[in-house]
Amino acid sequence: MSELPKCPKCNSEHTYEDGALFVCPECAHEWSGDAAAAGDDDDGPKVVKDSVGNVLTDGDTVTVIKDLKIKGSSSVVKIGTKVRNIRLIDGSGGHDIDCKIDGVGPMQLKSEFVRKA
């Protein structure tokens, strides 16, 4: 039995082949066999992009594009809130931005919910 590659998006072991593509049933990610053969080369820095595809760097200012509930609290980060001087991290749960929001405090955000200002 041949060993199928793990999903590059969620690291699931339950992948299967569908023609020339590999498919992950857990996150529905599809990738080509060529990409699986090449593997993930983690030699370069991780590129973090915002919701529209702009590349983010440390120190950027971003704007929140969706009301975000704060876990463990009844407060909300409102749409349009500007967040200055972000730091990019390799966080857990998909959080890749570390920041301090005025009136809220320090927190982590996912890059899919921000847009570069």
Protein backbone atom coordinates (compact mmCIF):
# COMPACT_ATOMS: atom_id res chain seq x y z
CA MET A 1 0.00 0.00 0.00
CA SER A 2 1.45 3.35 -1.02
CA GLU A 3 1.87 6.12 1.53
CA LEU A 4 -0.27 9.17 0.72
CA PRO A 5 1.00 12.62 1.76
CA LYS A 6 -0.57 14.51 4.66
CA CYS A 7 -2.73 17.53 3.90
CA PRO A 8 -0.50 20.65 3.67
CA LYS A 9 -3.31 22.84 5.02
CA CYS A 10 -4.55 20.97 8.12
CA ASN A 11 -1.95 18.15 8.38
CA SER A 12 -4.64 15.44 8.24
CA GLU A 13 -3.54 11.88 7.49
CA HIS A 14 -6.88 10.96 5.86
CA THR A 15 -6.11 12.13 2.32
CA TYR A 16 -7.14 10.33 -0.85
CA GLU A 17 -6.41 10.53 -4.56
CA ASP A 18 -8.96 11.86 -7.04
CA GLY A 19 -7.44 11.55 -10.49
CA ALA A 20 -4.32 13.74 -10.55
CA LEU A 21 -5.27 15.56 -7.33
CA PHE A 22 -4.97 14.73 -3.66
CA VAL A 23 -8.01 15.66 -1.53
CA CYS A 24 -8.40 16.18 2.21
CA PRO A 25 -11.87 15.16 3.44
CA GLU A 26 -11.51 17.17 6.65
CA CYS A 27 -10.80 20.65 5.23
CA ALA A 28 -11.70 20.04 1.53
CA HIS A 29 -8.24 21.21 0.41
CA GLU A 30 -7.11 19.92 -3.00
CA TRP A 31 -3.56 19.93 -4.34
CA SER A 32 -1.73 18.41 -7.28
CA GLY A 33 0.54 15.41 -7.14
CA ASP A 34 3.42 17.60 -8.36
CA ALA A 35 3.08 19.85 -5.30
CA ALA A 36 3.04 16.81 -3.03
CA ALA A 37 6.19 15.42 -4.67
CA ALA A 38 7.98 18.74 -4.25
CA GLY A 39 7.06 18.88 -0.56
CA ASP A 40 6.92 21.88 1.71
CA ASP A 41 10.28 23.60 1.82
CA ASP A 42 10.26 25.67 5.00
CA ASP A 43 13.57 27.31 4.13
CA GLY A 44 12.05 30.71 3.35
CA PRO A 45 10.01 32.93 5.62
CA LYS A 46 6.27 32.34 5.81
CA VAL A 47 4.32 34.79 3.65
CA VAL A 48 1.21 36.15 5.39
CA LYS A 49 -1.47 37.76 3.21
CA ASP A 50 -4.52 39.77 4.19
CA SER A 51 -8.09 39.11 3.04
CA VAL A 52 -7.51 40.60 -0.43
CA GLY A 53 -4.06 39.12 -1.04
CA ASN A 54 -1.74 41.94 0.03
CA VAL A 55 1.46 40.72 1.69
CA LEU A 56 1.70 41.78 5.35
CA THR A 57 4.94 42.61 7.16
CA ASP A 58 5.84 43.50 10.75
CA GLY A 59 4.88 47.07 11.63
CA ASP A 60 2.03 47.37 9.11
CA THR A 61 -1.30 49.01 9.90
CA VAL A 62 -4.39 46.93 9.14
CA THR A 63 -8.16 47.46 9.29
CA VAL A 64 -10.60 44.85 10.64
CA ILE A 65 -13.13 43.88 7.92
CA LYS A 66 -15.64 42.03 10.12
CA ASP A 67 -17.02 42.40 13.65
CA LEU A 68 -14.96 39.99 15.77
CA LYS A 69 -16.27 38.58 19.05
CA ILE A 70 -13.61 38.32 21.71
CA LYS A 71 -13.51 34.87 23.23
CA GLY A 72 -14.25 34.87 26.96
CA SER A 73 -15.68 38.37 26.89
CA SER A 74 -18.86 40.13 25.82
CA SER A 75 -16.97 42.84 23.92
CA VAL A 76 -16.51 43.05 20.16
CA VAL A 77 -13.82 44.45 17.86
CA LYS A 78 -15.90 46.51 15.43
CA ILE A 79 -15.56 46.56 11.67
CA GLY A 80 -13.25 49.36 10.51
CA THR A 81 -11.06 49.29 13.64
CA LYS A 82 -7.49 50.27 12.75
CA VAL A 83 -4.73 48.17 14.27
CA ARG A 84 -1.27 49.73 14.17
CA ASN A 85 2.16 48.13 14.40
CA ILE A 86 1.25 44.46 13.95
CA ARG A 87 3.70 41.60 14.53
CA LEU A 88 3.55 38.45 12.43
CA ILE A 89 3.70 35.20 14.39
CA ASP A 90 3.37 31.50 13.74
CA GLY A 91 0.50 31.11 16.20
CA SER A 92 -1.83 28.27 17.00
CA GLY A 93 -5.31 27.98 15.56
CA GLY A 94 -4.49 29.98 12.45
CA HIS A 95 -3.80 33.22 14.33
CA ASP A 96 -0.86 34.84 12.59
CA ILE A 97 -1.04 38.47 13.77
CA ASP A 98 -0.10 39.63 17.26
CA CYS A 99 -1.24 43.16 18.09
CA LYS A 100 -2.55 45.59 20.67
CA ILE A 101 -5.95 47.16 19.95
CA ASP A 102 -6.84 50.47 21.61
CA GLY A 103 -9.61 49.95 24.15
CA VAL A 104 -9.33 46.17 23.97
CA GLY A 105 -5.73 45.26 24.72
CA PRO A 106 -3.31 42.66 23.39
CA MET A 107 -4.73 39.91 21.21
CA GLN A 108 -4.09 37.69 18.20
CA LEU A 109 -5.94 37.97 14.89
CA LYS A 110 -6.28 35.84 11.79
CA SER A 111 -5.04 37.51 8.63
CA GLU A 112 -8.24 36.55 6.77
CA PHE A 113 -10.19 39.13 8.83
CA VAL A 114 -7.97 42.16 8.16
CA ARG A 115 -7.07 44.37 5.20
CA LYS A 116 -3.85 46.34 4.84
CA ALA A 117 -4.48 50.05 5.39
